[in-house]
Amino acid sequence: MYLCLLKGDEFVRFKKHLVMIALLALTVFIFAGCGENVIAEVNGEKITMDELTLQVNELKEMYEKQGMDFSGDNGQSLLESLQKDVLAGLIEKKIMLQEAKNIVTLGPEDVQEKLQPLKEQFPTEDNFKDFLKQVKMNEKEVAYILSLQDEVTKDVPLVAEDDARKYYDDNPDQFSQPEQLEVRHILFFVNDGTKELPTQHTDAEARQMAEDVIAQLNQGQDFAGLAKEKSEDNGTKENGGLYTATKSSTVTEFYTAASALAVGEYTTEPVKTDYGYHVIKLEKVTPVGQQPFAEVNESLTAHLWDQAKQEKFNQFLQEAKEKAVIVNKLDEKQGNQEQ
């Protein structure tokens, strides 16, 4: 696993890595009558069953609410497998913290300095605190792991443009661009009060509102102006209803109706989707094609550099695991002795 630097997509990957440590803890596997609280040791540092159970209970409940079933023989096998995975994640985190503290000592001011770029990615301090709760780590732990990553990857060279170009040429499918429809739309929700939507209309009411907008368009009124005034889609109304649609990102009924229009036309009948009734205008069509290298060069170079750093860190972490003295009592109890 790899803790990435805090730039663009790398920050997202950083969050995913930390979340993965927590999300692997989906199960409680209680050994009745065993009388042991320590479930593993890493270079003499203990990991307790209490630590594991605390995370497990919260996440197991969350997944059960989403419909995951942990009952039956198959469920028990899944629980045992996941128990093993989450403990492996906790062991890995322990190793990273140990290695970090071998190379740096952070005081309170150092911790805050290291965390500042991360905190800036969150709208509020409370959002950042929620993030720490989600990944089951405190500020000091995150700061130490970031310091370790910085130290291990500091000598990874930047990716040359020629190397980025070669990757681009060798992987054309990764840079293909689907057909894109630039549209404007006006939406009226159908909601009988059972959906979490900002307004409530019956099907007939929403359809009538859409028909009234079409009548106004037929009289020459501006589509963007009507979208700002009347659309109930708060995500697009301030931009005059402007939206870029692809076949994979848009519900079928919407995309089918939009793609049947000529540029400049709008739908003469309301378009029904699961959300409600839409009036759609087609502004522009961008056909299937390949993103030019000039458009992707910067992001691709950054991605390849991040990938190189990830490989360097993964190698470092693997070597740290191999030299660590690890006692995994869960493996012993499940009959999977690990060397």
C-alpha atoms as a PDB file:
ATOM      1  CA  MET A   1       0.000   0.000   0.000  1.00  0.00           C
ATOM      2  CA  TYR A   2       1.158   3.493  -0.705  1.00  0.00           C
ATOM      3  CA  LEU A   3       0.530   6.919   0.786  1.00  0.00           C
ATOM      4  CA  CYS A   4       0.666   9.395  -2.074  1.00  0.00           C
ATOM      5  CA  LEU A   5       1.674  13.028  -2.172  1.00  0.00           C
ATOM      6  CA  LEU A   6      -0.992  15.657  -1.905  1.00  0.00           C
ATOM      7  CA  LYS A   7      -1.356  16.948  -5.451  1.00  0.00           C
ATOM      8  CA  GLY A   8      -4.488  16.552  -7.540  1.00  0.00           C
ATOM      9  CA  ASP A   9      -5.287  12.903  -8.179  1.00  0.00           C
ATOM     10  CA  GLU A  10      -2.469  11.943  -5.795  1.00  0.00           C
ATOM     11  CA  PHE A  11      -4.436  13.410  -2.871  1.00  0.00           C
ATOM     12  CA  VAL A  12      -7.432  11.293  -3.848  1.00  0.00           C
ATOM     13  CA  ARG A  13      -5.193   8.257  -3.908  1.00  0.00           C
ATOM     14  CA  PHE A  14      -3.776   9.217  -0.492  1.00  0.00           C
ATOM     15  CA  LYS A  15      -7.313   9.266   0.902  1.00  0.00           C
ATOM     16  CA  LYS A  16      -8.163   5.955  -0.740  1.00  0.00           C
ATOM     17  CA  HIS A  17      -5.074   4.321   0.730  1.00  0.00           C
ATOM     18  CA  LEU A  18      -5.881   5.395   4.262  1.00  0.00           C
ATOM     19  CA  VAL A  19      -9.548   4.527   3.861  1.00  0.00           C
ATOM     20  CA  MET A  20      -8.585   1.059   2.626  1.00  0.00           C
ATOM     21  CA  ILE A  21      -6.845   0.340   5.926  1.00  0.00           C
ATOM     22  CA  ALA A  22     -10.135   1.021   7.664  1.00  0.00           C
ATOM     23  CA  LEU A  23     -12.495  -0.519   5.111  1.00  0.00           C
ATOM     24  CA  LEU A  24     -10.749  -3.851   5.225  1.00  0.00           C
ATOM     25  CA  ALA A  25     -11.965  -4.146   8.821  1.00  0.00           C
ATOM     26  CA  LEU A  26     -15.424  -5.452   8.076  1.00  0.00           C
ATOM     27  CA  THR A  27     -15.725  -8.333  10.516  1.00  0.00           C
ATOM     28  CA  VAL A  28     -15.639  -9.500  14.076  1.00  0.00           C
ATOM     29  CA  PHE A  29     -14.064 -12.903  14.613  1.00  0.00           C
ATOM     30  CA  ILE A  30     -14.245 -13.512  18.366  1.00  0.00           C
ATOM     31  CA  PHE A  31     -12.292 -16.408  19.765  1.00  0.00           C
ATOM     32  CA  ALA A  32     -14.519 -17.532  22.620  1.00  0.00           C
ATOM     33  CA  GLY A  33     -12.692 -18.386  25.806  1.00  0.00           C
ATOM     34  CA  CYS A  34      -9.231 -17.699  24.405  1.00  0.00           C
ATOM     35  CA  GLY A  35      -8.458 -15.130  27.117  1.00  0.00           C
ATOM     36  CA  GLU A  36      -5.991 -13.254  24.874  1.00  0.00           C
ATOM     37  CA  ASN A  37      -6.251  -9.584  23.980  1.00  0.00           C
ATOM     38  CA  VAL A  38      -3.040  -9.286  21.950  1.00  0.00           C
ATOM     39  CA  ILE A  39      -3.666 -10.520  18.413  1.00  0.00           C
ATOM     40  CA  ALA A  40      -0.332  -9.533  16.828  1.00  0.00           C
ATOM     41  CA  GLU A  41       3.069  -8.028  17.543  1.00  0.00           C
ATOM     42  CA  VAL A  42       5.301  -6.021  15.220  1.00  0.00           C
ATOM     43  CA  ASN A  43       8.880  -5.677  16.393  1.00  0.00           C
ATOM     44  CA  GLY A  44       7.574  -6.001  19.942  1.00  0.00           C
ATOM     45  CA  GLU A  45       4.708  -3.506  19.557  1.00  0.00           C
ATOM     46  CA  LYS A  46       1.310  -4.992  20.243  1.00  0.00           C
ATOM     47  CA  ILE A  47      -1.925  -4.895  18.259  1.00  0.00           C
ATOM     48  CA  THR A  48      -4.895  -5.850  20.403  1.00  0.00           C
ATOM     49  CA  MET A  49      -8.142  -7.536  19.550  1.00  0.00           C
ATOM     50  CA  ASP A  50      -9.852  -4.515  21.097  1.00  0.00           C
ATOM     51  CA  GLU A  51      -8.288  -2.240  18.443  1.00  0.00           C
ATOM     52  CA  LEU A  52      -9.471  -4.564  15.725  1.00  0.00           C
ATOM     53  CA  THR A  53     -12.952  -5.010  17.163  1.00  0.00           C
ATOM     54  CA  LEU A  54     -13.512  -1.270  17.591  1.00  0.00           C
ATOM     55  CA  GLN A  55     -13.067  -0.668  13.867  1.00  0.00           C
ATOM     56  CA  VAL A  56     -14.780  -3.854  12.859  1.00  0.00           C
ATOM     57  CA  ASN A  57     -18.024  -3.256  14.709  1.00  0.00           C
ATOM     58  CA  GLU A  58     -18.585   0.159  13.141  1.00  0.00           C
ATOM     59  CA  LEU A  59     -17.848  -0.969   9.600  1.00  0.00           C
ATOM     60  CA  LYS A  60     -19.658  -4.272   9.816  1.00  0.00           C
ATOM     61  CA  GLU A  61     -22.802  -2.421  10.876  1.00  0.00           C
ATOM     62  CA  MET A  62     -22.390   0.023   7.999  1.00  0.00           C
ATOM     63  CA  TYR A  63     -22.040  -2.734   5.417  1.00  0.00           C
ATOM     64  CA  GLU A  64     -24.982  -4.668   6.809  1.00  0.00           C
ATOM     65  CA  LYS A  65     -27.110  -1.540   6.360  1.00  0.00           C
ATOM     66  CA  GLN A  66     -26.027  -1.567   2.717  1.00  0.00           C
ATOM     67  CA  GLY A  67     -27.264  -5.140   2.346  1.00  0.00           C
ATOM     68  CA  MET A  68     -24.134  -7.192   2.921  1.00  0.00           C
ATOM     69  CA  ASP A  69     -24.950 -10.539   4.538  1.00  0.00           C
ATOM     70  CA  PHE A  70     -22.420 -12.062   6.936  1.00  0.00           C
ATOM     71  CA  SER A  71     -24.567 -15.060   7.931  1.00  0.00           C
ATOM     72  CA  GLY A  72     -24.165 -18.694   6.945  1.00  0.00           C
ATOM     73  CA  ASP A  73     -21.090 -20.744   6.080  1.00  0.00           C
ATOM     74  CA  ASN A  74     -20.091 -18.496   3.180  1.00  0.00           C
ATOM     75  CA  GLY A  75     -20.455 -15.467   5.394  1.00  0.00           C
ATOM     76  CA  GLN A  76     -18.200 -17.004   8.020  1.00  0.00           C
ATOM     77  CA  SER A  77     -15.538 -17.749   5.427  1.00  0.00           C
ATOM     78  CA  LEU A  78     -15.751 -14.173   4.219  1.00  0.00           C
ATOM     79  CA  LEU A  79     -15.429 -12.891   7.772  1.00  0.00           C
ATOM     80  CA  GLU A  80     -12.305 -14.937   8.417  1.00  0.00           C
ATOM     81  CA  SER A  81     -10.706 -13.780   5.183  1.00  0.00           C
ATOM     82  CA  LEU A  82     -11.491 -10.148   5.882  1.00  0.00           C
ATOM     83  CA  GLN A  83     -10.304 -10.464   9.468  1.00  0.00           C
ATOM     84  CA  LYS A  84      -6.961 -11.606   8.116  1.00  0.00           C
ATOM     85  CA  ASP A  85      -6.834  -8.729   5.638  1.00  0.00           C
ATOM     86  CA  VAL A  86      -7.621  -6.023   8.164  1.00  0.00           C
ATOM     87  CA  LEU A  87      -4.993  -7.295  10.561  1.00  0.00           C
ATOM     88  CA  ALA A  88      -2.478  -7.261   7.717  1.00  0.00           C
ATOM     89  CA  GLY A  89      -3.398  -3.625   7.157  1.00  0.00           C
ATOM     90  CA  LEU A  90      -2.902  -2.762  10.816  1.00  0.00           C
ATOM     91  CA  ILE A  91       0.447  -4.536  10.816  1.00  0.00           C
ATOM     92  CA  GLU A  92       1.486  -2.584   7.755  1.00  0.00           C
ATOM     93  CA  LYS A  93       0.495   0.693   9.363  1.00  0.00           C
ATOM     94  CA  LYS A  94       2.501  -0.213  12.453  1.00  0.00           C
ATOM     95  CA  ILE A  95       5.566  -0.920  10.302  1.00  0.00           C
ATOM     96  CA  MET A  96       5.235   2.396   8.484  1.00  0.00           C
ATOM     97  CA  LEU A  97       5.001   4.323  11.750  1.00  0.00           C
ATOM     98  CA  GLN A  98       8.009   2.513  13.162  1.00  0.00           C
ATOM     99  CA  GLU A  99      10.085   3.217  10.061  1.00  0.00           C
ATOM    100  CA  ALA A 100       8.990   6.857  10.063  1.00  0.00           C
ATOM    101  CA  LYS A 101      10.030   7.377  13.672  1.00  0.00           C
ATOM    102  CA  ASN A 102      13.425   5.893  12.859  1.00  0.00           C
ATOM    103  CA  ILE A 103      14.152   8.713  10.411  1.00  0.00           C
ATOM    104  CA  VAL A 104      12.406  11.757  11.879  1.00  0.00           C
ATOM    105  CA  THR A 105      11.146  13.194  15.150  1.00  0.00           C
ATOM    106  CA  LEU A 106       8.176  15.524  14.852  1.00  0.00           C
ATOM    107  CA  GLY A 107       7.184  18.085  17.432  1.00  0.00           C
ATOM    108  CA  PRO A 108       3.703  19.622  17.564  1.00  0.00           C
ATOM    109  CA  GLU A 109       4.679  22.433  15.170  1.00  0.00           C
ATOM    110  CA  ASP A 110       6.278  19.963  12.750  1.00  0.00           C
ATOM    111  CA  VAL A 111       3.106  17.871  12.724  1.00  0.00           C
ATOM    112  CA  GLN A 112       0.958  20.869  11.840  1.00  0.00           C
ATOM    113  CA  GLU A 113       3.385  22.013   9.133  1.00  0.00           C
ATOM    114  CA  LYS A 114       3.357  18.573   7.524  1.00  0.00           C
ATOM    115  CA  LEU A 115      -0.439  18.371   7.708  1.00  0.00           C
ATOM    116  CA  GLN A 116      -1.181  21.839   6.367  1.00  0.00           C
ATOM    117  CA  PRO A 117      -1.273  20.875   2.654  1.00  0.00           C
ATOM    118  CA  LEU A 118      -3.630  18.017   3.528  1.00  0.00           C
ATOM    119  CA  LYS A 119      -5.906  20.208   5.645  1.00  0.00           C
ATOM    120  CA  GLU A 120      -6.208  22.679   2.783  1.00  0.00           C
ATOM    121  CA  GLN A 121      -7.920  19.990   0.731  1.00  0.00           C
ATOM    122  CA  PHE A 122     -10.912  20.034   3.110  1.00  0.00           C
ATOM    123  CA  PRO A 123     -13.569  22.778   3.229  1.00  0.00           C
ATOM    124  CA  THR A 124     -13.546  22.977   7.041  1.00  0.00           C
ATOM    125  CA  GLU A 125     -11.607  21.755  10.054  1.00  0.00           C
ATOM    126  CA  ASP A 126     -14.554  19.545  10.984  1.00  0.00           C
ATOM    127  CA  ASN A 127     -14.353  17.843   7.560  1.00  0.00           C
ATOM    128  CA  PHE A 128     -10.693  17.092   8.215  1.00  0.00           C
ATOM    129  CA  LYS A 129     -11.497  15.664  11.652  1.00  0.00           C
ATOM    130  CA  ASP A 130     -14.188  13.481  10.115  1.00  0.00           C
ATOM    131  CA  PHE A 131     -11.587  12.207   7.671  1.00  0.00           C
ATOM    132  CA  LEU A 132      -9.262  11.249  10.532  1.00  0.00           C
ATOM    133  CA  LYS A 133     -12.102   9.365  12.212  1.00  0.00           C
ATOM    134  CA  GLN A 134     -12.861   7.554   8.984  1.00  0.00           C
ATOM    135  CA  VAL A 135      -9.303   6.321   8.501  1.00  0.00           C
ATOM    136  CA  LYS A 136      -8.802   5.576  12.226  1.00  0.00           C
ATOM    137  CA  MET A 137      -5.635   7.649  12.487  1.00  0.00           C
ATOM    138  CA  ASN A 138      -4.652  10.717  14.468  1.00  0.00           C
ATOM    139  CA  GLU A 139      -2.852  13.800  13.199  1.00  0.00           C
ATOM    140  CA  LYS A 140       0.541  12.679  14.458  1.00  0.00           C
ATOM    141  CA  GLU A 141       0.309   9.293  12.731  1.00  0.00           C
ATOM    142  CA  VAL A 142      -0.645  10.852   9.408  1.00  0.00           C
ATOM    143  CA  ALA A 143       2.197  13.389   9.690  1.00  0.00           C
ATOM    144  CA  TYR A 144       4.763  10.662  10.393  1.00  0.00           C
ATOM    145  CA  ILE A 145       3.637   8.525   7.454  1.00  0.00           C
ATOM    146  CA  LEU A 146       3.750  11.528   5.127  1.00  0.00           C
ATOM    147  CA  SER A 147       7.270  12.263   6.350  1.00  0.00           C
ATOM    148  CA  LEU A 148       8.286   8.681   5.620  1.00  0.00           C
ATOM    149  CA  GLN A 149       6.892   8.863   2.138  1.00  0.00           C
ATOM    150  CA  ASP A 150       8.651  12.149   1.443  1.00  0.00           C
ATOM    151  CA  GLU A 151      11.976  10.720   2.579  1.00  0.00           C
ATOM    152  CA  VAL A 152      11.699   7.443   0.668  1.00  0.00           C
ATOM    153  CA  THR A 153      10.607   9.046  -2.618  1.00  0.00           C
ATOM    154  CA  LYS A 154      12.663  12.253  -2.541  1.00  0.00           C
ATOM    155  CA  ASP A 155      15.171  10.995  -5.131  1.00  0.00           C
ATOM    156  CA  VAL A 156      12.635   9.719  -7.683  1.00  0.00           C
ATOM    157  CA  PRO A 157      13.348  11.791 -10.827  1.00  0.00           C
ATOM    158  CA  LEU A 158      10.725  13.704 -12.764  1.00  0.00           C
ATOM    159  CA  VAL A 159       9.343  11.966 -15.843  1.00  0.00           C
ATOM    160  CA  ALA A 160      10.754  13.225 -19.126  1.00  0.00           C
ATOM    161  CA  GLU A 161       8.332  14.370 -21.820  1.00  0.00           C
ATOM    162  CA  ASP A 162       9.716  11.756 -24.204  1.00  0.00           C
ATOM    163  CA  ASP A 163       8.788   9.024 -21.734  1.00  0.00           C
ATOM    164  CA  ALA A 164       5.302  10.473 -21.335  1.00  0.00           C
ATOM    165  CA  ARG A 165       4.933  10.603 -25.114  1.00  0.00           C
ATOM    166  CA  LYS A 166       5.977   6.966 -25.428  1.00  0.00           C
ATOM    167  CA  TYR A 167       3.391   5.934 -22.843  1.00  0.00           C
ATOM    168  CA  TYR A 168       0.770   7.956 -24.710  1.00  0.00           C
ATOM    169  CA  ASP A 169       1.635   6.269 -28.028  1.00  0.00           C
ATOM    170  CA  ASP A 170       1.760   2.789 -26.484  1.00  0.00           C
ATOM    171  CA  ASN A 171      -1.606   3.109 -24.697  1.00  0.00           C
ATOM    172  CA  PRO A 172      -4.026   4.826 -27.092  1.00  0.00           C
ATOM    173  CA  ASP A 173      -7.116   3.304 -25.463  1.00  0.00           C
ATOM    174  CA  GLN A 174      -6.424   5.215 -22.253  1.00  0.00           C
ATOM    175  CA  PHE A 175      -6.744   8.523 -24.090  1.00  0.00           C
ATOM    176  CA  SER A 176      -9.777   7.832 -26.225  1.00  0.00           C
ATOM    177  CA  GLN A 177     -12.578  10.340 -25.842  1.00  0.00           C
ATOM    178  CA  PRO A 178     -16.235   9.270 -26.168  1.00  0.00           C
ATOM    179  CA  GLU A 179     -18.822  11.341 -27.969  1.00  0.00           C
ATOM    180  CA  GLN A 180     -19.718  14.355 -25.838  1.00  0.00           C
ATOM    181  CA  LEU A 181     -22.937  16.316 -26.062  1.00  0.00           C
ATOM    182  CA  GLU A 182     -22.884  19.839 -24.720  1.00  0.00           C
ATOM    183  CA  VAL A 183     -26.479  20.497 -23.734  1.00  0.00           C
ATOM    184  CA  ARG A 184     -28.620  22.836 -21.702  1.00  0.00           C
ATOM    185  CA  HIS A 185     -31.513  21.395 -19.742  1.00  0.00           C
ATOM    186  CA  ILE A 186     -34.342  22.483 -17.503  1.00  0.00           C
ATOM    187  CA  LEU A 187     -35.522  19.916 -14.951  1.00  0.00           C
ATOM    188  CA  PHE A 188     -38.693  19.617 -12.887  1.00  0.00           C
ATOM    189  CA  PHE A 189     -38.568  16.854 -10.279  1.00  0.00           C
ATOM    190  CA  VAL A 190     -41.269  14.246  -9.829  1.00  0.00           C
ATOM    191  CA  ASN A 191     -41.436  13.654  -6.096  1.00  0.00           C
ATOM    192  CA  ASP A 192     -44.299  12.467  -3.948  1.00  0.00           C
ATOM    193  CA  GLY A 193     -42.366  13.211  -0.768  1.00  0.00           C
ATOM    194  CA  THR A 194     -40.596   9.863  -0.529  1.00  0.00           C
ATOM    195  CA  LYS A 195     -37.429  11.028  -2.304  1.00  0.00           C
ATOM    196  CA  GLU A 196     -34.698  13.274  -0.939  1.00  0.00           C
ATOM    197  CA  LEU A 197     -35.262  16.014  -3.522  1.00  0.00           C
ATOM    198  CA  PRO A 198     -35.551  19.785  -2.993  1.00  0.00           C
ATOM    199  CA  THR A 199     -39.120  20.023  -4.321  1.00  0.00           C
ATOM    200  CA  GLN A 200     -42.318  17.981  -4.449  1.00  0.00           C
ATOM    201  CA  HIS A 201     -44.438  17.648  -7.612  1.00  0.00           C
ATOM    202  CA  THR A 202     -46.767  14.985  -8.889  1.00  0.00           C
ATOM    203  CA  ASP A 203     -45.998  13.509 -12.281  1.00  0.00           C
ATOM    204  CA  ALA A 204     -48.750  15.607 -13.874  1.00  0.00           C
ATOM    205  CA  GLU A 205     -47.535  18.825 -12.219  1.00  0.00           C
ATOM    206  CA  ALA A 206     -43.926  18.346 -13.308  1.00  0.00           C
ATOM    207  CA  ARG A 207     -44.933  17.509 -16.874  1.00  0.00           C
ATOM    208  CA  GLN A 208     -47.160  20.585 -17.069  1.00  0.00           C
ATOM    209  CA  MET A 209     -44.322  22.808 -15.855  1.00  0.00           C
ATOM    210  CA  ALA A 210     -42.041  21.378 -18.559  1.00  0.00           C
ATOM    211  CA  GLU A 211     -44.726  21.932 -21.204  1.00  0.00           C
ATOM    212  CA  ASP A 212     -45.120  25.543 -20.057  1.00  0.00           C
ATOM    213  CA  VAL A 213     -41.368  26.087 -20.541  1.00  0.00           C
ATOM    214  CA  ILE A 214     -41.537  24.621 -24.060  1.00  0.00           C
ATOM    215  CA  ALA A 215     -44.383  27.024 -24.848  1.00  0.00           C
ATOM    216  CA  GLN A 216     -42.233  29.934 -23.686  1.00  0.00           C
ATOM    217  CA  LEU A 217     -39.334  28.719 -25.818  1.00  0.00           C
ATOM    218  CA  ASN A 218     -41.680  28.525 -28.807  1.00  0.00           C
ATOM    219  CA  GLN A 219     -42.449  32.177 -28.200  1.00  0.00           C
ATOM    220  CA  GLY A 220     -38.774  33.037 -28.492  1.00  0.00           C
ATOM    221  CA  GLN A 221     -37.614  33.176 -24.880  1.00  0.00           C
ATOM    222  CA  ASP A 222     -33.965  32.439 -24.103  1.00  0.00           C
ATOM    223  CA  PHE A 223     -33.246  28.874 -23.001  1.00  0.00           C
ATOM    224  CA  ALA A 224     -30.374  29.798 -20.655  1.00  0.00           C
ATOM    225  CA  GLY A 225     -32.452  32.510 -19.035  1.00  0.00           C
ATOM    226  CA  LEU A 226     -35.364  30.134 -18.434  1.00  0.00           C
ATOM    227  CA  ALA A 227     -32.984  27.543 -16.983  1.00  0.00           C
ATOM    228  CA  LYS A 228     -31.646  30.052 -14.458  1.00  0.00           C
ATOM    229  CA  GLU A 229     -35.163  31.110 -13.545  1.00  0.00           C
ATOM    230  CA  LYS A 230     -37.071  27.829 -13.484  1.00  0.00           C
ATOM    231  CA  SER A 231     -34.844  24.726 -13.449  1.00  0.00           C
ATOM    232  CA  GLU A 232     -34.816  22.718 -10.227  1.00  0.00           C
ATOM    233  CA  ASP A 233     -31.387  21.233 -10.955  1.00  0.00           C
ATOM    234  CA  ASN A 234     -29.263  23.349  -8.626  1.00  0.00           C
ATOM    235  CA  GLY A 235     -26.099  21.860 -10.057  1.00  0.00           C
ATOM    236  CA  THR A 236     -26.597  23.437 -13.500  1.00  0.00           C
ATOM    237  CA  LYS A 237     -29.218  26.182 -13.266  1.00  0.00           C
ATOM    238  CA  GLU A 238     -26.791  28.999 -12.416  1.00  0.00           C
ATOM    239  CA  ASN A 239     -24.867  28.148 -15.580  1.00  0.00           C
ATOM    240  CA  GLY A 240     -27.998  28.332 -17.690  1.00  0.00           C
ATOM    241  CA  GLY A 241     -28.531  24.570 -17.468  1.00  0.00           C
ATOM    242  CA  LEU A 242     -25.250  23.812 -19.241  1.00  0.00           C
ATOM    243  CA  TYR A 243     -24.077  20.219 -18.957  1.00  0.00           C
ATOM    244  CA  THR A 244     -21.681  17.927 -20.835  1.00  0.00           C
ATOM    245  CA  ALA A 245     -23.263  14.510 -21.356  1.00  0.00           C
ATOM    246  CA  THR A 246     -21.703  11.221 -22.410  1.00  0.00           C
ATOM    247  CA  LYS A 247     -23.467   7.927 -22.953  1.00  0.00           C
ATOM    248  CA  SER A 248     -21.903   6.443 -19.813  1.00  0.00           C
ATOM    249  CA  SER A 249     -22.484   9.434 -17.541  1.00  0.00           C
ATOM    250  CA  THR A 250     -26.113  10.194 -18.379  1.00  0.00           C
ATOM    251  CA  VAL A 251     -29.339   8.230 -18.001  1.00  0.00           C
ATOM    252  CA  THR A 252     -30.418   6.525 -21.219  1.00  0.00           C
ATOM    253  CA  GLU A 253     -33.619   8.517 -21.809  1.00  0.00           C
ATOM    254  CA  PHE A 254     -31.776  11.821 -21.484  1.00  0.00           C
ATOM    255  CA  TYR A 255     -28.900  10.850 -23.795  1.00  0.00           C
ATOM    256  CA  THR A 256     -31.199   9.335 -26.412  1.00  0.00           C
ATOM    257  CA  ALA A 257     -33.321  12.478 -26.569  1.00  0.00           C
ATOM    258  CA  ALA A 258     -30.303  14.802 -26.675  1.00  0.00           C
ATOM    259  CA  SER A 259     -28.491  12.836 -29.388  1.00  0.00           C
ATOM    260  CA  ALA A 260     -31.613  12.923 -31.606  1.00  0.00           C
ATOM    261  CA  LEU A 261     -31.503  16.731 -31.750  1.00  0.00           C
ATOM    262  CA  ALA A 262     -29.699  18.884 -34.274  1.00  0.00           C
ATOM    263  CA  VAL A 263     -27.366  21.522 -32.844  1.00  0.00           C
ATOM    264  CA  GLY A 264     -29.492  24.473 -31.735  1.00  0.00           C
ATOM    265  CA  GLU A 265     -32.714  22.460 -31.380  1.00  0.00           C
ATOM    266  CA  TYR A 266     -34.604  21.739 -28.169  1.00  0.00           C
ATOM    267  CA  THR A 267     -37.029  18.944 -27.319  1.00  0.00           C
ATOM    268  CA  THR A 268     -40.619  19.763 -28.267  1.00  0.00           C
ATOM    269  CA  GLU A 269     -41.982  17.274 -25.721  1.00  0.00           C
ATOM    270  CA  PRO A 270     -40.862  16.838 -22.087  1.00  0.00           C
ATOM    271  CA  VAL A 271     -38.337  14.030 -21.594  1.00  0.00           C
ATOM    272  CA  LYS A 272     -39.136  11.723 -18.674  1.00  0.00           C
ATOM    273  CA  THR A 273     -36.345  10.158 -16.584  1.00  0.00           C
ATOM    274  CA  ASP A 274     -36.191   8.776 -13.054  1.00  0.00           C
ATOM    275  CA  TYR A 275     -35.577  12.324 -11.852  1.00  0.00           C
ATOM    276  CA  GLY A 276     -38.563  13.968 -13.478  1.00  0.00           C
ATOM    277  CA  TYR A 277     -39.221  15.896 -16.696  1.00  0.00           C
ATOM    278  CA  HIS A 278     -36.485  17.593 -18.714  1.00  0.00           C
ATOM    279  CA  VAL A 279     -36.469  20.094 -21.527  1.00  0.00           C
ATOM    280  CA  ILE A 280     -33.178  19.693 -23.421  1.00  0.00           C
ATOM    281  CA  LYS A 281     -31.329  21.853 -25.936  1.00  0.00           C
ATOM    282  CA  LEU A 282     -28.302  20.572 -27.874  1.00  0.00           C
ATOM    283  CA  GLU A 283     -25.498  23.147 -28.091  1.00  0.00           C
ATOM    284  CA  LYS A 284     -22.519  21.205 -29.446  1.00  0.00           C
ATOM    285  CA  VAL A 285     -21.362  17.704 -30.379  1.00  0.00           C
ATOM    286  CA  THR A 286     -17.781  16.554 -29.862  1.00  0.00           C
ATOM    287  CA  PRO A 287     -17.323  13.275 -31.786  1.00  0.00           C
ATOM    288  CA  VAL A 288     -15.400  10.223 -30.649  1.00  0.00           C
ATOM    289  CA  GLY A 289     -11.693  10.884 -30.848  1.00  0.00           C
ATOM    290  CA  GLN A 290      -8.312  10.854 -29.134  1.00  0.00           C
ATOM    291  CA  GLN A 291      -7.265  13.451 -26.610  1.00  0.00           C
ATOM    292  CA  PRO A 292      -4.294  15.361 -28.062  1.00  0.00           C
ATOM    293  CA  PHE A 293      -0.982  14.723 -26.316  1.00  0.00           C
ATOM    294  CA  ALA A 294      -0.621  18.434 -25.568  1.00  0.00           C
ATOM    295  CA  GLU A 295      -3.825  18.318 -23.523  1.00  0.00           C
ATOM    296  CA  VAL A 296      -2.774  15.347 -21.417  1.00  0.00           C
ATOM    297  CA  ASN A 297       0.986  15.854 -21.219  1.00  0.00           C
ATOM    298  CA  GLU A 298       1.023  17.653 -17.880  1.00  0.00           C
ATOM    299  CA  SER A 299      -1.377  15.334 -16.087  1.00  0.00           C
ATOM    300  CA  LEU A 300       0.178  12.229 -17.667  1.00  0.00           C
ATOM    301  CA  THR A 301       3.686  13.276 -16.624  1.00  0.00           C
ATOM    302  CA  ALA A 302       2.458  13.856 -13.074  1.00  0.00           C
ATOM    303  CA  HIS A 303       0.679  10.493 -13.072  1.00  0.00           C
ATOM    304  CA  LEU A 304       3.753   8.606 -14.258  1.00  0.00           C
ATOM    305  CA  TRP A 305       5.916  10.362 -11.685  1.00  0.00           C
ATOM    306  CA  ASP A 306       3.434   9.453  -8.970  1.00  0.00           C
ATOM    307  CA  GLN A 307       3.456   5.865 -10.225  1.00  0.00           C
ATOM    308  CA  ALA A 308       7.247   5.745 -10.022  1.00  0.00           C
ATOM    309  CA  LYS A 309       7.151   7.070  -6.462  1.00  0.00           C
ATOM    310  CA  GLN A 310       4.513   4.522  -5.563  1.00  0.00           C
ATOM    311  CA  GLU A 311       6.678   1.701  -6.880  1.00  0.00           C
ATOM    312  CA  LYS A 312       9.645   3.022  -4.904  1.00  0.00           C
ATOM    313  CA  PHE A 313       7.614   3.213  -1.718  1.00  0.00           C
ATOM    314  CA  ASN A 314       6.077  -0.221  -2.254  1.00  0.00           C
ATOM    315  CA  GLN A 315       9.553  -1.701  -2.638  1.00  0.00           C
ATOM    316  CA  PHE A 316      10.697   0.024   0.553  1.00  0.00           C
ATOM    317  CA  LEU A 317       7.652  -1.220   2.445  1.00  0.00           C
ATOM    318  CA  GLN A 318       8.116  -4.789   1.240  1.00  0.00           C
ATOM    319  CA  GLU A 319      11.723  -4.761   2.436  1.00  0.00           C
ATOM    320  CA  ALA A 320      10.612  -3.347   5.795  1.00  0.00           C
ATOM    321  CA  LYS A 321       8.072  -6.156   6.158  1.00  0.00           C
ATOM    322  CA  GLU A 322      10.677  -8.788   5.355  1.00  0.00           C
ATOM    323  CA  LYS A 323      13.049  -7.570   8.056  1.00  0.00           C
ATOM    324  CA  ALA A 324      10.340  -6.999  10.672  1.00  0.00           C
ATOM    325  CA  VAL A 325       9.682  -9.506  13.446  1.00  0.00           C
ATOM    326  CA  ILE A 326       5.944 -10.175  13.140  1.00  0.00           C
ATOM    327  CA  VAL A 327       3.862 -12.447  15.343  1.00  0.00           C
ATOM    328  CA  ASN A 328       0.389 -12.938  13.866  1.00  0.00           C
ATOM    329  CA  LYS A 329      -1.749 -14.926  16.295  1.00  0.00           C
ATOM    330  CA  LEU A 330      -4.762 -14.744  14.021  1.00  0.00           C
ATOM    331  CA  ASP A 331      -2.941 -16.807  11.405  1.00  0.00           C
ATOM    332  CA  GLU A 332      -2.026 -19.291  14.092  1.00  0.00           C
ATOM    333  CA  LYS A 333      -5.650 -19.604  15.219  1.00  0.00           C
ATOM    334  CA  GLN A 334      -6.864 -20.032  11.637  1.00  0.00           C
ATOM    335  CA  GLY A 335      -4.202 -22.638  10.922  1.00  0.00           C
ATOM    336  CA  ASN A 336      -2.255 -20.447   8.456  1.00  0.00           C
ATOM    337  CA  GLN A 337       1.185 -20.163   9.966  1.00  0.00           C
ATOM    338  CA  GLU A 338       3.111 -17.378   8.230  1.00  0.00           C
ATOM    339  CA  GLN A 339       6.851 -17.354   8.116  1.00  0.00           C
END
